[in-house]
Protein backbone atom coordinates (compact mmCIF):
# COMPACT_ATOMS: atom_id res chain seq x y z
CA UNK A 1 -9.16 13.55 42.30
CA UNK A 2 -7.70 10.14 42.85
CA UNK A 3 -6.69 9.95 39.27
CA UNK A 4 -4.86 13.31 39.40
CA UNK A 5 -2.99 12.34 42.53
CA UNK A 6 -1.75 9.02 40.89
CA UNK A 7 -0.69 11.02 37.81
CA UNK A 8 1.35 13.37 39.88
CA UNK A 9 3.10 10.46 41.75
CA UNK A 10 4.10 8.81 38.48
CA UNK A 11 5.25 12.13 37.08
CA UNK A 12 7.34 12.73 40.11
CA UNK A 13 8.88 9.24 39.87
CA UNK A 14 9.73 9.61 36.29
CA UNK A 15 11.42 13.06 37.00
CA UNK A 16 13.42 11.87 39.82
CA UNK A 17 14.27 8.28 39.53
CA UNK A 18 13.19 7.18 36.03
CA UNK A 19 13.59 8.82 32.75
CA UNK A 20 12.21 12.30 32.84
CA UNK A 21 8.49 12.54 33.08
CA UNK A 22 7.40 15.09 30.41
CA UNK A 23 5.64 17.67 28.68
CA UNK A 24 2.91 19.64 29.22
CA UNK A 25 2.34 21.89 26.24
CA UNK A 26 0.58 25.26 25.47
CA UNK A 27 -2.29 25.79 23.21
CA UNK A 28 -1.51 29.27 21.94
CA UNK A 29 -1.33 31.05 18.64
CA UNK A 30 1.44 30.10 16.40
CA UNK A 31 4.56 32.36 16.99
CA UNK A 32 8.19 32.46 15.47
CA UNK A 33 10.85 30.32 17.18
CA UNK A 34 12.14 31.70 20.30
CA UNK A 35 8.98 33.93 21.06
CA UNK A 36 7.92 34.06 24.63
CA UNK A 37 4.22 33.20 24.49
CA UNK A 38 1.74 34.50 26.83
CA UNK A 39 0.25 31.81 29.09
CA UNK A 40 -2.65 30.06 27.77
CA UNK A 41 -4.66 26.86 28.33
CA UNK A 42 -2.53 24.26 30.02
CA UNK A 43 -0.61 21.77 28.08
CA UNK A 44 -2.00 18.39 27.22
CA UNK A 45 0.13 15.76 28.97
CA UNK A 46 -1.28 12.95 26.90
CA UNK A 47 -0.94 14.42 23.47
CA UNK A 48 1.74 12.87 21.16
CA UNK A 49 2.43 14.07 17.71
CA UNK A 50 3.27 10.97 15.58
CA UNK A 51 5.24 11.85 12.40
CA UNK A 52 5.42 15.28 13.56
CA UNK A 53 7.81 16.45 10.90
CA UNK A 54 5.10 15.98 8.24
CA UNK A 55 3.17 19.11 9.48
CA UNK A 56 3.63 22.46 7.84
CA UNK A 57 5.64 23.81 10.73
CA UNK A 58 7.48 20.73 12.46
CA UNK A 59 7.54 21.20 16.13
CA UNK A 60 5.81 24.51 16.34
CA UNK A 61 2.40 23.35 15.09
CA UNK A 62 2.31 20.53 17.68
CA UNK A 63 3.34 22.97 20.56
CA UNK A 64 0.67 25.45 19.52
CA UNK A 65 -1.99 22.81 19.91
CA UNK A 66 -0.64 22.10 23.47
CA UNK A 67 1.11 18.73 22.54
CA UNK A 68 3.58 17.51 25.12
CA UNK A 69 5.47 14.90 23.03
CA UNK A 70 6.61 14.93 19.45
CA UNK A 71 8.24 12.27 17.11
CA UNK A 72 10.81 12.70 14.52
CA UNK A 73 12.25 9.86 12.22
CA UNK A 74 15.99 10.19 11.60
CA UNK A 75 18.37 8.73 8.92
CA UNK A 76 22.07 8.88 9.20
CA UNK A 77 23.34 10.21 5.83
CA UNK A 78 26.94 11.12 5.25
CA UNK A 79 27.33 12.01 8.88
CA UNK A 80 24.07 14.15 9.03
CA UNK A 81 20.96 13.25 10.95
CA UNK A 82 18.16 13.98 8.40
CA UNK A 83 14.40 13.92 9.28
CA UNK A 84 12.15 12.16 7.02
CA UNK A 85 9.43 9.44 6.79
CA UNK A 86 11.26 7.26 4.14
CA UNK A 87 14.53 7.55 2.19
CA UNK A 88 12.93 8.87 -0.94
CA UNK A 89 11.86 12.03 0.83
CA UNK A 90 15.31 12.84 2.37
CA UNK A 91 16.27 16.49 2.22
CA UNK A 92 19.61 17.70 3.29
CA UNK A 93 18.26 20.88 4.55
CA UNK A 94 15.69 19.10 7.04
CA UNK A 95 17.89 17.93 9.87
CA UNK A 96 17.21 16.97 13.49
CA UNK A 97 19.21 20.14 14.44
CA UNK A 98 17.39 22.66 12.31
CA UNK A 99 13.89 21.19 12.69
CA UNK A 100 14.06 20.25 16.40
CA UNK A 101 17.10 20.93 18.41
CA UNK A 102 17.94 24.43 17.51
CA UNK A 103 14.26 25.69 17.77
CA UNK A 104 13.90 23.92 21.11
CA UNK A 105 17.11 25.60 22.34
CA UNK A 106 15.65 28.95 21.38
CA UNK A 107 12.43 28.35 23.10
CA UNK A 108 13.98 27.23 26.39
CA UNK A 109 16.25 30.20 26.49
CA UNK A 110 13.24 32.61 25.66
CA UNK A 111 11.08 30.98 28.22
CA UNK A 112 13.57 30.86 31.12
CA UNK A 113 14.20 27.21 31.16
CA UNK A 114 11.10 25.58 29.66
CA UNK A 115 9.77 24.70 26.17
CA UNK A 116 6.24 25.92 27.30
CA UNK A 117 6.09 29.38 29.01
CA UNK A 118 5.13 28.88 32.67
CA UNK A 119 5.18 25.00 32.51
CA UNK A 120 8.33 23.27 33.87
CA UNK A 121 7.69 19.63 32.79
CA UNK A 122 10.00 18.44 30.16
CA UNK A 123 8.95 17.96 26.60
CA UNK A 124 9.48 14.39 25.24
CA UNK A 125 11.31 14.25 21.98
CA UNK A 126 10.85 10.80 20.68
CA UNK A 127 13.48 10.07 18.00
CA UNK A 128 12.75 7.07 15.70
CA UNK A 129 16.04 5.75 14.37
CA UNK A 130 15.47 4.40 10.54
CA UNK A 131 19.06 3.54 9.87
CA UNK A 132 21.33 1.09 11.65
CA UNK A 133 20.73 1.63 15.38
CA UNK A 134 24.21 1.66 16.79
CA UNK A 135 25.93 3.76 14.35
CA UNK A 136 23.02 6.27 14.19
CA UNK A 137 22.79 6.38 18.11
CA UNK A 138 26.50 7.15 18.35
CA UNK A 139 26.22 9.94 15.89
CA UNK A 140 23.01 11.17 17.62
CA UNK A 141 24.74 11.08 20.95
CA UNK A 142 27.51 13.56 19.78
CA UNK A 143 24.90 15.87 18.61
CA UNK A 144 22.71 15.77 21.75
CA UNK A 145 25.77 16.66 23.93
CA UNK A 146 25.87 20.01 22.16
CA UNK A 147 22.50 20.63 23.72
CA UNK A 148 23.06 19.09 27.08
CA UNK A 149 22.24 22.25 28.98
CA UNK A 150 18.49 21.63 28.00
CA UNK A 151 18.28 17.95 28.01
CA UNK A 152 17.25 15.38 30.65
CA UNK A 153 20.20 13.14 31.61
CA UNK A 154 21.08 10.05 33.35
CA UNK A 155 24.28 9.95 35.19
CA UNK A 156 25.30 6.54 36.69
CA UNK A 157 21.68 5.55 37.02
CA UNK A 158 20.40 8.93 38.47
CA UNK A 159 18.13 11.00 36.28
CA UNK A 160 18.48 14.76 36.27
CA UNK A 161 15.41 16.38 34.41
CA UNK A 162 15.87 18.96 31.84
CA UNK A 163 13.68 20.88 29.63
CA UNK A 164 13.71 18.28 26.84
CA UNK A 165 13.70 14.52 27.32
CA UNK A 166 15.02 12.55 24.08
CA UNK A 167 13.58 9.06 23.96
CA UNK A 168 15.09 6.67 21.43
CA UNK A 169 12.76 4.52 19.32
CA UNK A 170 13.15 2.62 16.08
CA UNK A 171 16.16 0.36 15.16
CA UNK A 172 16.76 -1.88 18.43
CA UNK A 173 20.47 -1.97 17.78
CA UNK A 174 20.65 1.45 19.59
CA UNK A 175 20.12 -0.32 22.92
CA UNK A 176 23.72 -1.80 23.39
CA UNK A 177 25.66 1.56 22.90
CA UNK A 178 23.24 3.28 25.21
CA UNK A 179 23.26 0.72 28.01
CA UNK A 180 27.14 0.89 27.85
CA UNK A 181 27.22 4.75 28.74
CA UNK A 182 27.77 6.07 32.14
CA UNK A 183 26.20 9.37 31.17
CA UNK A 184 23.44 9.62 28.70
CA UNK A 185 21.29 12.43 27.26
CA UNK A 186 18.62 10.11 25.95
CA UNK A 187 16.50 7.15 27.07
CA UNK A 188 15.13 4.05 25.49
CA UNK A 189 11.68 3.50 24.13
CA UNK A 190 10.69 -0.24 25.32
CA UNK A 191 8.28 -2.63 23.76
CA UNK A 192 5.79 -4.80 25.63
CA UNK A 193 8.35 -7.64 25.99
CA UNK A 194 10.40 -5.18 28.03
CA UNK A 195 7.81 -4.75 30.68
CA UNK A 196 9.00 -6.47 33.89
CA UNK A 197 12.47 -6.92 32.56
CA UNK A 198 15.54 -6.06 34.33
CA UNK A 199 16.01 -2.58 32.73
CA UNK A 200 15.03 0.20 35.29
CA UNK A 201 12.72 3.09 34.22
CA UNK A 202 15.69 5.27 34.46
CA UNK A 203 16.71 3.56 31.14
CA UNK A 204 13.30 2.61 29.64
CA UNK A 205 10.83 5.29 30.89
CA UNK A 206 8.39 4.49 28.03
CA UNK A 207 6.81 1.24 26.72
CA UNK A 208 5.34 1.52 23.14
CA UNK A 209 3.45 -1.03 21.37
CA UNK A 210 1.50 -1.61 18.12
CA UNK A 211 -2.28 -1.38 18.92
CA UNK A 212 -3.40 -3.72 16.23
CA UNK A 213 -0.97 -6.62 17.15
CA UNK A 214 -1.76 -6.29 20.81
CA UNK A 215 -5.51 -5.67 20.53
CA UNK A 216 -8.06 -6.62 18.02
CA UNK A 217 -10.69 -4.18 18.74
CA UNK A 218 -10.96 -1.44 16.00
CA UNK A 219 -13.35 0.94 17.91
CA UNK A 220 -16.59 -0.58 16.46
CA UNK A 221 -19.01 -2.12 18.87
CA UNK A 222 -18.23 -2.78 22.55
CA UNK A 223 -14.53 -3.23 23.68
CA UNK A 224 -14.16 -7.00 24.48
CA UNK A 225 -14.05 -7.50 28.29
CA UNK A 226 -10.89 -9.62 28.11
CA UNK A 227 -9.10 -7.13 25.94
CA UNK A 228 -10.03 -4.18 28.40
CA UNK A 229 -8.92 -6.25 31.40
CA UNK A 230 -5.57 -7.06 29.63
CA UNK A 231 -5.09 -3.20 28.62
CA UNK A 232 -5.65 -2.07 32.13
CA UNK A 233 -3.33 -4.71 33.66
CA UNK A 234 -0.62 -3.84 31.09
CA UNK A 235 -0.84 -0.05 32.05
CA UNK A 236 -1.08 -0.62 35.66
CA UNK A 237 2.13 -2.95 35.57
CA UNK A 238 4.03 -0.24 33.63
CA UNK A 239 2.98 2.40 36.12
CA UNK A 240 4.10 0.31 38.94
CA UNK A 241 7.56 0.31 37.36
CA UNK A 242 7.65 4.11 36.81
CA UNK A 243 6.96 3.72 33.09
CA UNK A 244 4.63 5.33 30.71
CA UNK A 245 2.73 3.75 27.79
CA UNK A 246 1.87 4.64 24.24
CA UNK A 247 0.43 2.76 21.41
CA UNK A 248 0.82 3.41 17.78
CA UNK A 249 -1.41 2.36 14.93
CA UNK A 250 -4.57 3.29 16.84
CA UNK A 251 -7.41 4.44 14.62
CA UNK A 252 -6.67 7.99 13.23
CA UNK A 253 -9.56 8.97 11.06
CA UNK A 254 -12.05 11.32 12.82
CA UNK A 255 -15.11 9.58 13.70
CA UNK A 256 -16.77 7.38 16.42
CA UNK A 257 -14.16 4.57 16.07
CA UNK A 258 -11.25 6.99 16.98
CA UNK A 259 -13.17 8.60 19.78
CA UNK A 260 -14.13 5.12 21.19
CA UNK A 261 -10.56 3.90 21.20
CA UNK A 262 -9.29 7.15 22.54
CA UNK A 263 -11.85 7.07 25.35
CA UNK A 264 -10.79 3.44 26.47
CA UNK A 265 -7.18 4.56 26.37
CA UNK A 266 -8.08 7.38 28.73
CA UNK A 267 -10.19 5.14 30.96
CA UNK A 268 -7.07 2.71 31.13
CA UNK A 269 -4.81 5.79 32.02
CA UNK A 270 -2.67 5.34 29.07
CA UNK A 271 -0.04 8.06 29.04
CA UNK A 272 0.21 9.21 25.45
CA UNK A 273 -2.45 9.31 22.70
CA UNK A 274 -0.86 8.86 19.38
CA UNK A 275 -2.11 10.94 16.37
CA UNK A 276 -1.37 12.83 13.03
CA UNK A 277 -4.38 14.99 13.54
CA UNK A 278 -3.24 17.56 15.86
CA UNK A 279 -6.39 19.69 16.01
CA UNK A 280 -8.55 16.57 16.46
CA UNK A 281 -6.71 15.25 19.42
CA UNK A 282 -6.50 18.52 21.14
CA UNK A 283 -10.30 19.21 20.65
CA UNK A 284 -10.93 15.79 22.00
CA UNK A 285 -8.96 16.35 25.06
CA UNK A 286 -10.08 19.86 25.89
CA UNK A 287 -13.67 18.65 25.51
CA UNK A 288 -13.15 16.08 28.17
CA UNK A 289 -11.54 18.63 30.47
CA UNK A 290 -14.48 20.99 29.94
CA UNK A 291 -16.81 18.14 30.96
CA UNK A 292 -14.94 17.86 34.24
CA UNK A 293 -12.46 15.08 33.49
CA UNK A 294 -9.09 16.41 33.09
CA UNK A 295 -6.57 14.85 30.59
CA UNK A 296 -3.41 15.49 32.70
């Protein structure tokens, strides 16, 4: 119960003074964009869909599995924001607008103000910039403003939650034009070195780091005590600042090593578990709920 109480406090702080808390999602049968879904199992507040756009149905598959955060890589090409993992797979038809922003707008309208029917917390849309950061962000900002009615915004340091909270990752050059704005419709994905810095959670609500460069444990054998202590201290410091924590490059092949790392991340109260295996993470989290330990 104490764990749940602390999570509510952190979520409230993010929604009112930091950068929009985020998503609960809903595990329900797949449905066309804009369809109002019946209420089902509650969303999974820790589930983050890494490289979400590589799934057969970007965005929709993740939401159907109850995910509350999705990640899209973008390239600025001839004025368009294209979604792809690498330049060789760019497709003019696969844009941030067509794969994410338009479907999200349709869902929010159909669900009377929320991405997941019956759940009001914002969805986190992590946008990883792959081309030059400043120019790409300025183009992205113009696009996001067309969807401002559904987006969390920061106006003169005050956060006003919306149904979707964009968070900008990738090329670090995006930071300067973002910091210069009086009103923003996106927030900045910090790195471990940003923890404890001058930037408030209203600008950096999320601290993301590479698991393999911060921790040496791959999930085999016991978690070294010194690393466990360091992980928990890091998460506690971020939460004290009203910031959430995510690690990428954690083990993501089904097996005991992945489960061991995910268990340690849950025990340390890490906010987002990163995966390309939507069904695997959903099953992992819901099993722990059924065992009496909720993942939200």
